[in-house]
Amino acid sequence: MKLRCAVLDDYQSVAGTAADWSPVADDIDVVGFADHCATEDELVSRLSEFDIVVTLRERVSFPATLIERLPRLRLLVASGMRNTSIDYAAAERHGVTVCGTASTATPPVELTWALLLGLARGIVTEANTLREGGPWQSTVGADLHGRRLGILGLGKIGGRVAAVGRAFGMDVVAWSRNLTPERAEEAGAGFLASKEELLETSDFVSVHLVLSDRTRGLLGAKELGLMRPGSYLVNTSRAAIVDQDALLDVLRRGAIAGAGVDVFDVEPLPAGHPMRSAPRLLATPHLGYVSRANYAAYYGDAVQDIRAYLDGEPVRRLG
């Protein structure tokens, strides 16, 4: 009898074609789900008959309470090699092997710049006005050359964002708690000693920090209040790093020129959520890692993970 494999949150219904599943076709039946389960009870109802689950990024949490309610689950494959939404100890207790996949930082870097440029040049406003027969030109774009780009977090993604900023002729500076002047210099960015200085002096602020107890709520009302009225904020990292209510407040008051956001406190974003209608906001539905190349890597490695598990030699184990 074949094992059953569920692919969660396959919104575009591409999991089956993004990779070659033939190496495991004789052993498993794959079922993709294009909708999201919002509660643990919904997940239990959906997954109770599956032996293998493939989940993307940290879209779905697998706490101990869920894992213990899925006695049939034996293999959990998560895209990327870092996932904070899985209780690894609970998985081990219940005999669930957890594996990861390759991932590339290129897509979120590119989306960061898509949002930043879209904000700076009023792309969505002008494009919609053009299609709707409105006025010919209604905004005046913000320049990048010679302006300051402040990067919160100069890791793998932040460092690449910095490189693009330099290519635009921007004054690139960075801050994080662990950043050193030497590391900033290696990445071609100026070192700032505090996030307050970065927020006060930057024309564009881009968030590229890992979510942790130290970064949760890092940008609240006080911090956002330090930003210039003509400045922009971009967050393609994690929603919880920026206080959502505080962000909505500064956008509504026009305290900053705009924000580009790809991550939200609740995903998918419910209908009627205030982030869907906030002024001065360019928002995308968590597209940071959604690209053809990345999906090919995710699902291609998921197939390898499943094959290796079935052969008794799991690879890319997490936890």
Protein backbone atom coordinates (compact mmCIF):
# COMPACT_ATOMS: atom_id res chain seq x y z
CA MET A 1 0.00 0.00 0.00
CA LYS A 2 1.30 3.45 -0.93
CA LEU A 3 2.00 6.07 1.69
CA ARG A 4 0.08 9.33 1.46
CA CYS A 5 1.86 12.68 1.18
CA ALA A 6 0.19 16.07 1.74
CA VAL A 7 1.65 19.28 0.32
CA LEU A 8 0.35 22.23 2.32
CA ASP A 9 -0.37 25.77 1.14
CA ASP A 10 0.29 25.03 -2.52
CA TYR A 11 -1.54 28.25 -3.37
CA GLN A 12 -0.57 28.27 -7.05
CA SER A 13 -1.06 24.47 -7.42
CA VAL A 14 2.47 24.09 -8.80
CA ALA A 15 4.04 21.58 -6.41
CA GLY A 16 3.36 18.70 -8.78
CA THR A 17 5.06 20.40 -11.73
CA ALA A 18 7.84 22.37 -10.00
CA ALA A 19 9.86 19.17 -9.55
CA ASP A 20 10.09 15.61 -10.86
CA TRP A 21 8.20 13.37 -8.44
CA SER A 22 8.81 10.18 -10.43
CA PRO A 23 11.50 8.85 -8.02
CA VAL A 24 8.77 8.36 -5.40
CA ALA A 25 5.72 7.86 -7.61
CA ASP A 26 5.59 4.12 -6.99
CA ASP A 27 5.66 4.54 -3.23
CA ILE A 28 3.49 7.54 -2.39
CA ASP A 29 0.34 9.32 -3.45
CA VAL A 30 0.76 13.10 -3.39
CA VAL A 31 -2.13 15.44 -2.65
CA GLY A 32 -1.65 19.21 -2.87
CA PHE A 33 -3.84 21.67 -0.98
CA ALA A 34 -4.25 25.16 -2.40
CA ASP A 35 -6.01 26.59 0.64
CA HIS A 36 -4.76 27.31 4.15
CA CYS A 37 -5.92 25.67 7.37
CA ALA A 38 -6.33 28.39 9.98
CA THR A 39 -6.79 26.21 13.07
CA GLU A 40 -5.23 23.13 14.59
CA ASP A 41 -8.53 21.26 14.38
CA GLU A 42 -8.67 21.94 10.63
CA LEU A 43 -5.12 20.64 10.24
CA VAL A 44 -5.90 17.48 12.19
CA SER A 45 -8.95 16.84 10.05
CA ARG A 46 -6.94 17.38 6.87
CA LEU A 47 -3.75 15.51 7.80
CA SER A 48 -4.95 12.59 9.91
CA GLU A 49 -4.75 10.18 6.95
CA PHE A 50 -1.29 11.27 5.76
CA ASP A 51 2.08 9.70 6.50
CA ILE A 52 4.19 12.51 5.00
CA VAL A 53 3.65 16.26 5.05
CA VAL A 54 5.51 18.87 2.99
CA THR A 55 5.18 22.39 4.37
CA LEU A 56 6.54 25.66 2.99
CA ARG A 57 8.67 27.94 5.15
CA GLU A 58 6.93 28.69 8.47
CA ARG A 59 3.44 29.10 7.09
CA VAL A 60 2.08 26.29 9.28
CA SER A 61 3.13 25.69 12.88
CA PHE A 62 3.69 22.15 14.10
CA PRO A 63 3.57 22.40 17.89
CA ALA A 64 3.50 19.38 20.20
CA THR A 65 -0.30 19.56 20.43
CA LEU A 66 -0.65 19.09 16.68
CA ILE A 67 2.04 16.45 16.27
CA GLU A 68 0.57 14.25 19.00
CA ARG A 69 -2.81 14.39 17.23
CA LEU A 70 -1.29 13.03 14.00
CA PRO A 71 -0.30 9.47 14.97
CA ARG A 72 0.11 8.43 11.34
CA LEU A 73 2.66 11.17 10.55
CA ARG A 74 6.18 9.82 10.00
CA LEU A 75 7.99 12.41 7.86
CA LEU A 76 7.73 16.20 7.89
CA VAL A 77 9.59 18.09 5.15
CA ALA A 78 10.01 21.84 5.62
CA SER A 79 11.48 24.12 2.96
CA GLY A 80 14.77 25.68 3.97
CA MET A 81 17.16 24.52 6.65
CA ARG A 82 15.79 26.66 9.46
CA ASN A 83 12.25 26.50 10.81
CA THR A 84 11.17 27.87 14.18
CA SER A 85 7.54 26.76 13.88
CA ILE A 86 8.23 23.06 14.46
CA ASP A 87 8.52 21.45 17.90
CA TYR A 88 11.46 19.18 17.17
CA ALA A 89 11.43 17.54 20.59
CA ALA A 90 7.78 16.55 20.14
CA ALA A 91 8.53 15.24 16.66
CA GLU A 92 11.30 13.05 18.04
CA ARG A 93 9.10 11.76 20.86
CA HIS A 94 6.43 10.72 18.39
CA GLY A 95 8.82 9.16 15.87
CA VAL A 96 8.49 11.90 13.25
CA THR A 97 11.57 12.57 11.11
CA VAL A 98 11.97 16.24 10.11
CA CYS A 99 13.98 17.20 7.02
CA GLY A 100 14.77 20.44 5.25
CA THR A 101 15.63 21.57 1.74
CA ALA A 102 17.92 23.96 -0.06
CA SER A 103 16.90 27.60 -0.30
CA THR A 104 18.31 30.76 -1.85
CA ALA A 105 18.30 34.33 -0.56
CA THR A 106 17.96 35.79 -4.04
CA PRO A 107 14.13 35.96 -4.27
CA PRO A 108 13.58 37.97 -1.05
CA VAL A 109 16.39 40.35 -2.03
CA GLU A 110 14.71 40.96 -5.38
CA LEU A 111 11.28 41.41 -3.81
CA THR A 112 12.72 43.89 -1.32
CA TRP A 113 13.86 46.05 -4.21
CA ALA A 114 10.58 45.57 -6.07
CA LEU A 115 8.75 46.98 -3.06
CA LEU A 116 11.27 49.76 -2.46
CA LEU A 117 11.23 50.89 -6.08
CA GLY A 118 7.48 50.54 -6.28
CA LEU A 119 7.12 52.85 -3.29
CA ALA A 120 9.73 55.36 -4.43
CA ARG A 121 8.28 55.81 -7.90
CA GLY A 122 4.57 55.35 -7.14
CA ILE A 123 4.40 52.45 -9.60
CA VAL A 124 1.08 50.96 -8.47
CA THR A 125 -0.67 54.32 -8.25
CA GLU A 126 0.54 55.45 -11.67
CA ALA A 127 -0.13 52.09 -13.35
CA ASN A 128 -3.68 51.90 -11.98
CA THR A 129 -4.39 55.50 -12.92
CA LEU A 130 -3.14 54.87 -16.46
CA ARG A 131 -5.39 51.82 -16.88
CA GLU A 132 -8.39 53.63 -15.42
CA GLY A 133 -8.06 56.65 -17.70
CA GLY A 134 -7.05 58.99 -14.91
CA PRO A 135 -4.65 61.94 -15.01
CA TRP A 136 -1.39 61.65 -16.92
CA GLN A 137 1.17 61.66 -14.05
CA SER A 138 -0.02 62.34 -10.54
CA THR A 139 2.99 61.58 -8.34
CA VAL A 140 6.58 62.81 -8.08
CA GLY A 141 9.00 59.96 -7.47
CA ALA A 142 11.58 59.84 -4.70
CA ASP A 143 15.21 59.55 -5.79
CA LEU A 144 17.49 56.73 -4.64
CA HIS A 145 20.86 58.10 -5.76
CA GLY A 146 22.50 59.99 -2.92
CA ARG A 147 19.83 59.00 -0.40
CA ARG A 148 20.48 56.93 2.71
CA LEU A 149 19.45 53.28 2.89
CA GLY A 150 19.38 51.94 6.44
CA ILE A 151 19.47 48.16 6.76
CA LEU A 152 18.41 46.45 9.96
CA GLY A 153 20.29 43.14 9.83
CA LEU A 154 23.27 42.70 7.54
CA GLY A 155 23.21 38.93 7.11
CA LYS A 156 22.87 36.89 3.94
CA ILE A 157 19.85 38.82 2.66
CA GLY A 158 20.68 42.22 4.13
CA GLY A 159 24.18 42.08 2.69
CA ARG A 160 22.83 41.53 -0.82
CA VAL A 161 20.30 44.32 -0.38
CA ALA A 162 23.21 46.56 0.58
CA ALA A 163 25.08 45.66 -2.61
CA VAL A 164 22.12 46.70 -4.75
CA GLY A 165 21.80 49.92 -2.80
CA ARG A 166 25.41 50.78 -3.55
CA ALA A 167 24.77 50.07 -7.23
CA PHE A 168 22.04 52.73 -7.12
CA GLY A 169 24.51 55.16 -5.61
CA MET A 170 22.91 55.15 -2.19
CA ASP A 171 24.60 55.84 1.13
CA VAL A 172 24.19 52.42 2.76
CA VAL A 173 24.34 52.06 6.55
CA ALA A 174 23.43 49.17 8.83
CA TRP A 175 22.71 48.19 12.42
CA SER A 176 21.97 45.05 14.39
CA ARG A 177 22.84 44.01 17.93
CA ASN A 178 25.62 41.70 16.77
CA LEU A 179 26.94 43.76 13.88
CA THR A 180 30.54 44.93 14.11
CA PRO A 181 32.21 47.78 12.22
CA GLU A 182 34.44 45.21 10.52
CA ARG A 183 31.51 43.13 9.27
CA ALA A 184 29.71 46.26 8.06
CA GLU A 185 32.81 47.36 6.16
CA GLU A 186 33.12 43.92 4.53
CA ALA A 187 29.53 44.27 3.28
CA GLY A 188 30.17 47.78 2.00
CA ALA A 189 27.94 49.47 4.57
CA GLY A 190 28.55 52.14 7.14
CA PHE A 191 28.27 50.98 10.76
CA LEU A 192 25.79 52.74 13.04
CA ALA A 193 25.92 52.21 16.79
CA SER A 194 22.17 52.31 17.36
CA LYS A 195 18.92 51.56 15.59
CA GLU A 196 17.71 54.97 16.71
CA GLU A 197 20.40 56.70 14.66
CA LEU A 198 19.56 54.52 11.66
CA LEU A 199 15.85 55.33 11.89
CA GLU A 200 16.45 59.06 12.39
CA THR A 201 18.85 59.49 9.48
CA SER A 202 17.67 57.04 6.80
CA ASP A 203 15.46 57.85 3.85
CA PHE A 204 14.70 54.17 3.30
CA VAL A 205 14.73 51.52 6.05
CA SER A 206 14.74 47.81 5.16
CA VAL A 207 14.26 45.04 7.74
CA HIS A 208 16.30 41.84 7.41
CA LEU A 209 16.48 40.43 10.93
CA VAL A 210 15.72 36.95 12.18
CA LEU A 211 12.68 36.83 14.44
CA SER A 212 13.64 36.09 18.04
CA ASP A 213 12.77 37.24 21.53
CA ARG A 214 15.26 40.08 21.04
CA THR A 215 13.79 41.30 17.74
CA ARG A 216 10.07 40.77 18.37
CA GLY A 217 8.48 44.22 18.51
CA LEU A 218 11.83 45.86 17.81
CA LEU A 219 10.13 48.65 15.88
CA GLY A 220 7.26 49.97 17.96
CA ALA A 221 5.52 53.32 18.15
CA LYS A 222 8.56 55.00 19.71
CA GLU A 223 10.97 53.71 17.07
CA LEU A 224 8.70 54.39 14.09
CA GLY A 225 8.19 57.87 15.48
CA LEU A 226 11.89 58.53 14.89
CA MET A 227 11.57 58.10 11.13
CA ARG A 228 11.43 61.12 8.85
CA PRO A 229 8.05 62.19 7.37
CA GLY A 230 9.49 61.60 3.89
CA SER A 231 11.03 58.20 4.66
CA TYR A 232 9.94 54.70 3.70
CA LEU A 233 9.94 51.36 5.55
CA VAL A 234 10.23 47.96 3.85
CA ASN A 235 9.70 44.68 5.73
CA THR A 236 10.16 41.37 3.92
CA SER A 237 11.45 39.60 7.04
CA ARG A 238 8.88 38.81 9.75
CA ALA A 239 5.78 40.79 10.66
CA ALA A 240 6.33 40.53 14.42
CA ILE A 241 9.53 42.59 14.21
CA VAL A 242 7.41 45.66 13.44
CA ASP A 243 4.46 46.46 15.69
CA GLN A 244 1.53 46.23 13.28
CA ASP A 245 -0.72 48.69 15.11
CA ALA A 246 2.10 51.22 15.34
CA LEU A 247 2.81 50.84 11.64
CA LEU A 248 -0.85 51.34 10.75
CA ASP A 249 -0.89 54.46 12.91
CA VAL A 250 2.08 56.17 11.22
CA LEU A 251 0.71 55.29 7.79
CA ARG A 252 -2.72 56.70 8.57
CA ARG A 253 -1.23 59.90 10.01
CA GLY A 254 1.22 60.31 7.14
CA ALA A 255 4.09 60.30 9.65
CA ILE A 256 6.15 58.41 7.06
CA ALA A 257 5.87 58.54 3.28
CA GLY A 258 5.00 54.87 2.90
CA ALA A 259 5.73 51.24 3.69
CA GLY A 260 6.30 48.10 1.63
CA VAL A 261 5.23 44.97 3.48
CA ASP A 262 5.32 41.30 2.48
CA VAL A 263 4.66 39.74 5.91
CA PHE A 264 1.69 40.00 8.25
CA ASP A 265 0.64 39.08 11.78
CA VAL A 266 -1.98 36.70 10.38
CA GLU A 267 -1.51 34.86 7.09
CA PRO A 268 -3.33 34.57 4.80
CA LEU A 269 -4.52 38.09 5.57
CA PRO A 270 -8.24 37.92 6.46
CA ALA A 271 -10.76 39.86 4.42
CA GLY A 272 -11.36 43.21 6.05
CA HIS A 273 -7.99 43.25 7.83
CA PRO A 274 -6.83 46.88 8.18
CA MET A 275 -3.59 46.13 6.34
CA ARG A 276 -5.65 45.50 3.21
CA SER A 277 -6.83 49.10 3.09
CA ALA A 278 -4.12 51.10 4.85
CA PRO A 279 -3.01 54.26 3.05
CA ARG A 280 0.56 54.66 1.81
CA LEU A 281 1.02 50.88 1.94
CA LEU A 282 2.36 48.69 -0.86
CA ALA A 283 1.60 45.15 0.27
CA THR A 284 2.24 41.72 -1.26
CA PRO A 285 0.98 38.31 0.01
CA HIS A 286 4.26 36.94 1.42
CA LEU A 287 5.96 36.46 -1.93
CA GLY A 288 9.52 36.75 -0.58
CA TYR A 289 10.58 33.20 -1.37
CA VAL A 290 8.04 32.52 -4.10
CA SER A 291 9.95 32.12 -7.35
CA ARG A 292 10.31 29.38 -9.96
CA ALA A 293 13.92 28.61 -9.04
CA ASN A 294 13.22 28.49 -5.33
CA TYR A 295 10.17 26.27 -5.76
CA ALA A 296 12.19 23.93 -7.94
CA ALA A 297 14.74 23.71 -5.13
CA TYR A 298 12.12 23.25 -2.42
CA TYR A 299 10.11 20.53 -4.10
CA GLY A 300 13.09 18.90 -5.78
CA ASP A 301 14.79 18.46 -2.43
CA ALA A 302 11.48 17.37 -0.87
CA VAL A 303 11.40 14.49 -3.35
CA GLN A 304 15.00 13.62 -2.42
CA ASP A 305 14.14 13.79 1.27
CA ILE A 306 11.19 11.46 0.81
CA ARG A 307 13.20 9.01 -1.29
CA ALA A 308 16.02 8.95 1.26
CA TYR A 309 13.57 8.43 4.11
CA LEU A 310 11.88 5.56 2.29
CA ASP A 311 15.33 4.02 1.73
CA GLY A 312 16.07 4.26 5.45
CA GLU A 313 18.75 6.93 5.13
CA PRO A 314 17.19 10.36 5.83
CA VAL A 315 19.08 13.41 4.61
CA ARG A 316 19.06 17.10 5.59
CA ARG A 317 17.59 16.29 9.01
CA LEU A 318 16.45 19.20 11.16
CA GLY A 319 16.12 19.48 14.91
